[in-house]
Amino acid sequence: MRDQETLGATRAPAVDELLSRPSLEARQVEATTGTALFEPTTPARHVFFVHSGQVRVYQPGPENSARLVEILGPGDWFGVAALAGAATYGNRAVAVSSVVISEVPADKWLALLAEQPAVATEWVGRLAGKLVAAREDAACLVFDDCNQRLIKTLLQFSRSAAATAHPEGVVLRITHQQLAQAVGAARETISLALTQLRQQKLLRTGRNQLFFNPEVLEKFSRRGNELSPAGEQVA
């Protein structure tokens, strides 16, 4: 019985419970579709928690280009630059639907982590997960060809707020242009690669929608198959 009580005492409180604490000075914000929650040059002072809706984070590039790096929904958080002590966020966060988020001063959140070992332990794991994902993403850009990057991006986004369950597996609501921004390729290249995957019956396309089974796509990826320009499988 004592072991169970000890376990319960060290369990991290839920985020909603933490955000309700006056010491955090959390401020709930509602934003409409298209609202920029912060820009690359915005001073990095807050961390954000998504309660409802969808937020997409873009990394700016040269000549007004941008790369889609994250699709976030309820239960997700963003604004890691503020926790790192960066001067600015360095990227752009945009609401792509009506969203409700909590905005928390980064110094208040860090102070809470110092006082709550269980919460701090959980957040070390979350930050480590983001670091691992960032390293894998960087390796993907260096070592994988466009088709491989596309498949990995589809699998990543199939677990995001942009995807919902469907009899075929999931339906991912995203445009070819947004996929191109995520993969780091021209829109025309992505459209051709999607056509090749469709020809192999690995996905089905709709208006700004992709239907596919993530398990099937992942098995295809693990086999190390590549798509030739003609859409044929090459062992």
C-alpha atoms as a PDB file:
ATOM      1  CA  MET A   1       0.000   0.000   0.000  1.00  0.00           C
ATOM      2  CA  ARG A   2       2.838   2.350   0.869  1.00  0.00           C
ATOM      3  CA  ASP A   3       4.511   1.642  -2.486  1.00  0.00           C
ATOM      4  CA  GLN A   4       1.316   2.649  -4.298  1.00  0.00           C
ATOM      5  CA  GLU A   5       1.078   5.854  -2.262  1.00  0.00           C
ATOM      6  CA  THR A   6       4.716   6.665  -3.043  1.00  0.00           C
ATOM      7  CA  LEU A   7       4.124   6.050  -6.762  1.00  0.00           C
ATOM      8  CA  GLY A   8       1.082   8.317  -6.705  1.00  0.00           C
ATOM      9  CA  ALA A   9       3.041  11.029  -4.907  1.00  0.00           C
ATOM     10  CA  THR A  10       5.731  11.092  -7.606  1.00  0.00           C
ATOM     11  CA  ARG A  11       3.395  10.993 -10.589  1.00  0.00           C
ATOM     12  CA  ALA A  12       3.528  14.210 -12.618  1.00  0.00           C
ATOM     13  CA  PRO A  13       0.346  16.330 -12.416  1.00  0.00           C
ATOM     14  CA  ALA A  14      -1.640  16.783 -15.608  1.00  0.00           C
ATOM     15  CA  VAL A  15      -0.727  19.810 -17.704  1.00  0.00           C
ATOM     16  CA  ASP A  16      -4.210  21.320 -17.332  1.00  0.00           C
ATOM     17  CA  GLU A  17      -3.821  21.123 -13.566  1.00  0.00           C
ATOM     18  CA  LEU A  18      -0.453  22.840 -13.725  1.00  0.00           C
ATOM     19  CA  LEU A  19      -1.713  25.593 -16.027  1.00  0.00           C
ATOM     20  CA  SER A  20      -4.430  26.463 -13.529  1.00  0.00           C
ATOM     21  CA  ARG A  21      -1.852  27.442 -10.902  1.00  0.00           C
ATOM     22  CA  PRO A  22      -1.724  31.232 -10.401  1.00  0.00           C
ATOM     23  CA  SER A  23       2.064  31.163 -10.030  1.00  0.00           C
ATOM     24  CA  LEU A  24       2.435  30.196 -13.687  1.00  0.00           C
ATOM     25  CA  GLU A  25       0.597  33.301 -14.900  1.00  0.00           C
ATOM     26  CA  ALA A  26      -0.807  31.275 -17.801  1.00  0.00           C
ATOM     27  CA  ARG A  27      -2.986  33.207 -20.207  1.00  0.00           C
ATOM     28  CA  GLN A  28      -5.504  31.412 -22.404  1.00  0.00           C
ATOM     29  CA  VAL A  29      -5.627  32.738 -25.966  1.00  0.00           C
ATOM     30  CA  GLU A  30      -8.080  32.105 -28.785  1.00  0.00           C
ATOM     31  CA  ALA A  31      -6.925  32.608 -32.365  1.00  0.00           C
ATOM     32  CA  THR A  32      -8.612  32.286 -35.731  1.00  0.00           C
ATOM     33  CA  THR A  33      -7.388  30.495 -38.844  1.00  0.00           C
ATOM     34  CA  GLY A  34      -4.326  32.153 -40.361  1.00  0.00           C
ATOM     35  CA  THR A  35      -3.234  33.959 -37.192  1.00  0.00           C
ATOM     36  CA  ALA A  36       0.531  34.023 -36.674  1.00  0.00           C
ATOM     37  CA  LEU A  37       1.130  33.124 -33.031  1.00  0.00           C
ATOM     38  CA  PHE A  38       4.716  34.261 -33.342  1.00  0.00           C
ATOM     39  CA  GLU A  39       7.188  35.201 -36.069  1.00  0.00           C
ATOM     40  CA  PRO A  40      10.888  34.290 -36.427  1.00  0.00           C
ATOM     41  CA  THR A  41      11.920  37.661 -34.958  1.00  0.00           C
ATOM     42  CA  THR A  42       9.439  37.604 -32.049  1.00  0.00           C
ATOM     43  CA  PRO A  43      11.255  37.717 -28.674  1.00  0.00           C
ATOM     44  CA  ALA A  44      11.212  34.183 -27.230  1.00  0.00           C
ATOM     45  CA  ARG A  45       9.538  34.679 -23.867  1.00  0.00           C
ATOM     46  CA  HIS A  46       6.684  32.169 -23.738  1.00  0.00           C
ATOM     47  CA  VAL A  47       5.973  28.478 -24.127  1.00  0.00           C
ATOM     48  CA  PHE A  48       2.594  27.481 -25.588  1.00  0.00           C
ATOM     49  CA  PHE A  49       0.204  24.594 -24.902  1.00  0.00           C
ATOM     50  CA  VAL A  50      -2.465  23.591 -27.430  1.00  0.00           C
ATOM     51  CA  HIS A  51      -5.934  22.853 -26.019  1.00  0.00           C
ATOM     52  CA  SER A  52      -7.888  22.680 -29.289  1.00  0.00           C
ATOM     53  CA  GLY A  53      -7.364  23.275 -32.985  1.00  0.00           C
ATOM     54  CA  GLN A  54      -4.226  22.891 -35.066  1.00  0.00           C
ATOM     55  CA  VAL A  55      -0.966  24.831 -35.190  1.00  0.00           C
ATOM     56  CA  ARG A  56       1.769  24.468 -37.799  1.00  0.00           C
ATOM     57  CA  VAL A  57       5.353  25.565 -37.281  1.00  0.00           C
ATOM     58  CA  TYR A  58       7.504  26.716 -40.225  1.00  0.00           C
ATOM     59  CA  GLN A  59      11.251  27.219 -40.456  1.00  0.00           C
ATOM     60  CA  PRO A  60      12.029  30.247 -42.652  1.00  0.00           C
ATOM     61  CA  GLY A  61      14.422  29.912 -45.565  1.00  0.00           C
ATOM     62  CA  PRO A  62      15.970  32.144 -48.220  1.00  0.00           C
ATOM     63  CA  GLU A  63      13.892  34.218 -50.623  1.00  0.00           C
ATOM     64  CA  ASN A  64      10.718  34.021 -48.502  1.00  0.00           C
ATOM     65  CA  SER A  65      10.710  30.226 -48.581  1.00  0.00           C
ATOM     66  CA  ALA A  66       9.679  28.147 -45.554  1.00  0.00           C
ATOM     67  CA  ARG A  67       9.782  24.528 -44.434  1.00  0.00           C
ATOM     68  CA  LEU A  68       6.923  22.920 -42.537  1.00  0.00           C
ATOM     69  CA  VAL A  69       8.528  21.245 -39.509  1.00  0.00           C
ATOM     70  CA  GLU A  70       5.677  20.457 -37.105  1.00  0.00           C
ATOM     71  CA  ILE A  71       1.920  19.929 -37.116  1.00  0.00           C
ATOM     72  CA  LEU A  72       0.552  20.276 -33.590  1.00  0.00           C
ATOM     73  CA  GLY A  73      -2.812  19.626 -31.952  1.00  0.00           C
ATOM     74  CA  PRO A  74      -4.424  19.189 -28.525  1.00  0.00           C
ATOM     75  CA  GLY A  75      -1.918  17.990 -25.946  1.00  0.00           C
ATOM     76  CA  ASP A  76       1.092  19.304 -27.887  1.00  0.00           C
ATOM     77  CA  TRP A  77       3.304  22.248 -26.963  1.00  0.00           C
ATOM     78  CA  PHE A  78       5.706  24.566 -28.770  1.00  0.00           C
ATOM     79  CA  GLY A  79       8.035  27.490 -28.158  1.00  0.00           C
ATOM     80  CA  VAL A  80      11.112  25.484 -27.198  1.00  0.00           C
ATOM     81  CA  ALA A  81      13.371  28.427 -28.100  1.00  0.00           C
ATOM     82  CA  ALA A  82      12.086  30.285 -25.042  1.00  0.00           C
ATOM     83  CA  LEU A  83      13.127  27.403 -22.780  1.00  0.00           C
ATOM     84  CA  ALA A  84      16.560  27.399 -24.396  1.00  0.00           C
ATOM     85  CA  GLY A  85      17.047  31.090 -23.627  1.00  0.00           C
ATOM     86  CA  ALA A  86      17.142  32.098 -27.302  1.00  0.00           C
ATOM     87  CA  ALA A  87      16.598  35.753 -28.114  1.00  0.00           C
ATOM     88  CA  THR A  88      13.912  35.021 -30.732  1.00  0.00           C
ATOM     89  CA  TYR A  89      11.807  32.008 -31.744  1.00  0.00           C
ATOM     90  CA  GLY A  90      13.549  31.649 -35.090  1.00  0.00           C
ATOM     91  CA  ASN A  91      10.483  30.088 -36.714  1.00  0.00           C
ATOM     92  CA  ARG A  92       6.850  30.889 -37.413  1.00  0.00           C
ATOM     93  CA  ALA A  93       3.830  29.344 -35.693  1.00  0.00           C
ATOM     94  CA  VAL A  94       0.487  29.683 -37.460  1.00  0.00           C
ATOM     95  CA  ALA A  95      -3.033  28.644 -36.484  1.00  0.00           C
ATOM     96  CA  VAL A  96      -4.535  26.646 -39.358  1.00  0.00           C
ATOM     97  CA  SER A  97      -7.910  26.386 -37.632  1.00  0.00           C
ATOM     98  CA  SER A  98      -9.579  28.136 -34.727  1.00  0.00           C
ATOM     99  CA  VAL A  99      -7.312  27.338 -31.794  1.00  0.00           C
ATOM    100  CA  VAL A 100      -7.274  27.700 -28.034  1.00  0.00           C
ATOM    101  CA  ILE A 101      -3.823  27.777 -26.463  1.00  0.00           C
ATOM    102  CA  SER A 102      -2.268  28.671 -23.131  1.00  0.00           C
ATOM    103  CA  GLU A 103       0.645  31.097 -23.165  1.00  0.00           C
ATOM    104  CA  VAL A 104       3.037  30.699 -20.233  1.00  0.00           C
ATOM    105  CA  PRO A 105       6.102  32.843 -19.429  1.00  0.00           C
ATOM    106  CA  ALA A 106       9.122  30.614 -19.969  1.00  0.00           C
ATOM    107  CA  ASP A 107      10.778  31.664 -16.711  1.00  0.00           C
ATOM    108  CA  LYS A 108       7.648  30.676 -14.762  1.00  0.00           C
ATOM    109  CA  TRP A 109       7.550  27.264 -16.430  1.00  0.00           C
ATOM    110  CA  LEU A 110      11.243  26.678 -15.717  1.00  0.00           C
ATOM    111  CA  ALA A 111      10.707  27.678 -12.081  1.00  0.00           C
ATOM    112  CA  LEU A 112       7.885  25.143 -11.838  1.00  0.00           C
ATOM    113  CA  LEU A 113      10.121  22.415 -13.274  1.00  0.00           C
ATOM    114  CA  ALA A 114      12.703  23.186 -10.597  1.00  0.00           C
ATOM    115  CA  GLU A 115      10.047  22.703  -7.894  1.00  0.00           C
ATOM    116  CA  GLN A 116       8.380  19.626  -9.426  1.00  0.00           C
ATOM    117  CA  PRO A 117      10.863  16.758 -10.001  1.00  0.00           C
ATOM    118  CA  ALA A 118       8.194  14.481 -11.500  1.00  0.00           C
ATOM    119  CA  VAL A 119       7.185  17.160 -14.024  1.00  0.00           C
ATOM    120  CA  ALA A 120      10.843  17.928 -14.765  1.00  0.00           C
ATOM    121  CA  THR A 121      11.552  14.245 -15.431  1.00  0.00           C
ATOM    122  CA  GLU A 122       8.610  14.043 -17.830  1.00  0.00           C
ATOM    123  CA  TRP A 123       9.782  17.166 -19.653  1.00  0.00           C
ATOM    124  CA  VAL A 124      13.335  15.906 -20.009  1.00  0.00           C
ATOM    125  CA  GLY A 125      11.790  12.987 -21.877  1.00  0.00           C
ATOM    126  CA  ARG A 126       9.707  15.301 -24.065  1.00  0.00           C
ATOM    127  CA  LEU A 127      12.659  17.521 -24.908  1.00  0.00           C
ATOM    128  CA  ALA A 128      14.800  14.475 -25.634  1.00  0.00           C
ATOM    129  CA  GLY A 129      12.095  13.265 -28.001  1.00  0.00           C
ATOM    130  CA  LYS A 130      12.170  16.572 -29.872  1.00  0.00           C
ATOM    131  CA  LEU A 131      15.968  16.373 -30.068  1.00  0.00           C
ATOM    132  CA  VAL A 132      15.900  12.843 -31.450  1.00  0.00           C
ATOM    133  CA  ALA A 133      13.250  13.835 -33.998  1.00  0.00           C
ATOM    134  CA  ALA A 134      15.311  16.856 -35.077  1.00  0.00           C
ATOM    135  CA  ARG A 135      18.428  14.708 -35.562  1.00  0.00           C
ATOM    136  CA  GLU A 136      16.501  12.119 -37.548  1.00  0.00           C
ATOM    137  CA  ASP A 137      15.021  14.893 -39.666  1.00  0.00           C
ATOM    138  CA  ALA A 138      18.479  16.322 -40.355  1.00  0.00           C
ATOM    139  CA  ALA A 139      19.823  12.876 -41.280  1.00  0.00           C
ATOM    140  CA  CYS A 140      16.840  12.353 -43.575  1.00  0.00           C
ATOM    141  CA  LEU A 141      17.630  15.574 -45.453  1.00  0.00           C
ATOM    142  CA  VAL A 142      21.274  14.557 -45.855  1.00  0.00           C
ATOM    143  CA  PHE A 143      21.041  10.842 -46.645  1.00  0.00           C
ATOM    144  CA  ASP A 144      17.570  10.128 -48.093  1.00  0.00           C
ATOM    145  CA  ASP A 145      16.310  10.861 -51.579  1.00  0.00           C
ATOM    146  CA  CYS A 146      13.097  12.791 -52.150  1.00  0.00           C
ATOM    147  CA  ASN A 147      10.850   9.707 -52.286  1.00  0.00           C
ATOM    148  CA  GLN A 148      12.216   8.351 -49.029  1.00  0.00           C
ATOM    149  CA  ARG A 149      11.807  11.744 -47.352  1.00  0.00           C
ATOM    150  CA  LEU A 150       8.236  11.932 -48.607  1.00  0.00           C
ATOM    151  CA  ILE A 151       7.323   8.541 -47.131  1.00  0.00           C
ATOM    152  CA  LYS A 152       8.903   9.424 -43.774  1.00  0.00           C
ATOM    153  CA  THR A 153       7.044  12.736 -43.774  1.00  0.00           C
ATOM    154  CA  LEU A 154       3.732  11.004 -44.503  1.00  0.00           C
ATOM    155  CA  LEU A 155       4.362   8.594 -41.626  1.00  0.00           C
ATOM    156  CA  GLN A 156       5.297  11.451 -39.296  1.00  0.00           C
ATOM    157  CA  PHE A 157       2.221  13.495 -40.165  1.00  0.00           C
ATOM    158  CA  SER A 158      -0.037  10.415 -39.920  1.00  0.00           C
ATOM    159  CA  ARG A 159       0.523  10.716 -36.150  1.00  0.00           C
ATOM    160  CA  SER A 160      -0.219  14.442 -36.075  1.00  0.00           C
ATOM    161  CA  ALA A 161      -3.310  16.592 -35.659  1.00  0.00           C
ATOM    162  CA  ALA A 162      -3.624  16.797 -39.457  1.00  0.00           C
ATOM    163  CA  ALA A 163      -4.606  13.102 -39.656  1.00  0.00           C
ATOM    164  CA  THR A 164      -7.766  11.326 -38.548  1.00  0.00           C
ATOM    165  CA  ALA A 165      -8.750   7.672 -38.532  1.00  0.00           C
ATOM    166  CA  HIS A 166     -10.294   6.294 -41.725  1.00  0.00           C
ATOM    167  CA  PRO A 167     -11.319   2.803 -42.901  1.00  0.00           C
ATOM    168  CA  GLU A 168      -8.255   2.801 -45.180  1.00  0.00           C
ATOM    169  CA  GLY A 169      -5.998   3.742 -42.257  1.00  0.00           C
ATOM    170  CA  VAL A 170      -5.827   7.526 -41.966  1.00  0.00           C
ATOM    171  CA  VAL A 171      -6.831  10.541 -43.969  1.00  0.00           C
ATOM    172  CA  LEU A 172      -4.163  13.235 -43.938  1.00  0.00           C
ATOM    173  CA  ARG A 173      -5.413  16.730 -44.724  1.00  0.00           C
ATOM    174  CA  ILE A 174      -2.544  18.506 -46.410  1.00  0.00           C
ATOM    175  CA  THR A 175      -1.839  20.117 -49.775  1.00  0.00           C
ATOM    176  CA  HIS A 176       0.912  19.134 -52.199  1.00  0.00           C
ATOM    177  CA  GLN A 177       2.533  22.516 -51.570  1.00  0.00           C
ATOM    178  CA  GLN A 178       2.567  21.958 -47.801  1.00  0.00           C
ATOM    179  CA  LEU A 179       4.071  18.502 -48.302  1.00  0.00           C
ATOM    180  CA  ALA A 180       6.713  20.048 -50.555  1.00  0.00           C
ATOM    181  CA  GLN A 181       7.503  22.533 -47.781  1.00  0.00           C
ATOM    182  CA  ALA A 182       7.905  19.683 -45.301  1.00  0.00           C
ATOM    183  CA  VAL A 183       9.972  17.434 -47.553  1.00  0.00           C
ATOM    184  CA  GLY A 184      12.161  20.198 -48.937  1.00  0.00           C
ATOM    185  CA  ALA A 185      11.368  19.647 -52.620  1.00  0.00           C
ATOM    186  CA  ALA A 186       9.540  21.320 -55.473  1.00  0.00           C
ATOM    187  CA  ARG A 187       5.775  20.926 -55.587  1.00  0.00           C
ATOM    188  CA  GLU A 188       5.989  19.265 -59.002  1.00  0.00           C
ATOM    189  CA  THR A 189       8.425  16.678 -57.630  1.00  0.00           C
ATOM    190  CA  ILE A 190       6.081  15.841 -54.755  1.00  0.00           C
ATOM    191  CA  SER A 191       3.100  15.546 -57.090  1.00  0.00           C
ATOM    192  CA  LEU A 192       5.039  13.075 -59.258  1.00  0.00           C
ATOM    193  CA  ALA A 193       6.134  11.037 -56.229  1.00  0.00           C
ATOM    194  CA  LEU A 194       2.542  10.878 -54.940  1.00  0.00           C
ATOM    195  CA  THR A 195       1.420   9.682 -58.368  1.00  0.00           C
ATOM    196  CA  GLN A 196       3.995   6.895 -58.191  1.00  0.00           C
ATOM    197  CA  LEU A 197       2.793   5.847 -54.732  1.00  0.00           C
ATOM    198  CA  ARG A 198      -0.795   5.928 -55.964  1.00  0.00           C
ATOM    199  CA  GLN A 199       0.103   3.729 -58.945  1.00  0.00           C
ATOM    200  CA  GLN A 200       1.512   1.182 -56.520  1.00  0.00           C
ATOM    201  CA  LYS A 201      -1.726   1.394 -54.505  1.00  0.00           C
ATOM    202  CA  LEU A 202       0.110   2.647 -51.434  1.00  0.00           C
ATOM    203  CA  LEU A 203      -2.173   5.669 -51.091  1.00  0.00           C
ATOM    204  CA  ARG A 204      -5.190   7.374 -52.589  1.00  0.00           C
ATOM    205  CA  THR A 205      -5.478  11.102 -53.209  1.00  0.00           C
ATOM    206  CA  GLY A 206      -8.399  13.466 -52.838  1.00  0.00           C
ATOM    207  CA  ARG A 207      -8.839  17.226 -52.753  1.00  0.00           C
ATOM    208  CA  ASN A 208      -6.144  18.300 -50.269  1.00  0.00           C
ATOM    209  CA  GLN A 209      -6.428  14.828 -48.724  1.00  0.00           C
ATOM    210  CA  LEU A 210      -4.326  11.674 -48.751  1.00  0.00           C
ATOM    211  CA  PHE A 211      -5.723   8.281 -47.742  1.00  0.00           C
ATOM    212  CA  PHE A 212      -3.275   5.540 -46.747  1.00  0.00           C
ATOM    213  CA  ASN A 213      -2.472   2.825 -44.244  1.00  0.00           C
ATOM    214  CA  PRO A 214       0.603   3.888 -42.213  1.00  0.00           C
ATOM    215  CA  GLU A 215       1.503   0.279 -41.402  1.00  0.00           C
ATOM    216  CA  VAL A 216       1.555  -0.690 -45.071  1.00  0.00           C
ATOM    217  CA  LEU A 217       3.564   2.403 -45.997  1.00  0.00           C
ATOM    218  CA  GLU A 218       6.038   1.775 -43.194  1.00  0.00           C
ATOM    219  CA  LYS A 219       6.549  -1.850 -44.258  1.00  0.00           C
ATOM    220  CA  PHE A 220       7.193  -0.631 -47.796  1.00  0.00           C
ATOM    221  CA  SER A 221       9.739   1.846 -46.448  1.00  0.00           C
ATOM    222  CA  ARG A 222      11.489  -0.739 -44.283  1.00  0.00           C
ATOM    223  CA  ARG A 223      12.000  -3.051 -47.242  1.00  0.00           C
ATOM    224  CA  GLY A 224      14.309  -0.380 -48.596  1.00  0.00           C
ATOM    225  CA  ASN A 225      12.392  -0.113 -51.864  1.00  0.00           C
ATOM    226  CA  GLU A 226      12.834   2.959 -54.007  1.00  0.00           C
ATOM    227  CA  LEU A 227      10.584   4.436 -56.649  1.00  0.00           C
ATOM    228  CA  SER A 228      11.991   4.700 -60.117  1.00  0.00           C
ATOM    229  CA  PRO A 229      10.965   7.614 -62.383  1.00  0.00           C
ATOM    230  CA  ALA A 230       8.541   5.227 -64.080  1.00  0.00           C
ATOM    231  CA  GLY A 231       6.942   4.351 -60.748  1.00  0.00           C
ATOM    232  CA  GLU A 232       8.341   0.792 -60.677  1.00  0.00           C
ATOM    233  CA  GLN A 233       9.685  -0.877 -57.560  1.00  0.00           C
ATOM    234  CA  VAL A 234      13.408  -1.411 -57.479  1.00  0.00           C
ATOM    235  CA  ALA A 235      14.790  -3.881 -54.928  1.00  0.00           C
END
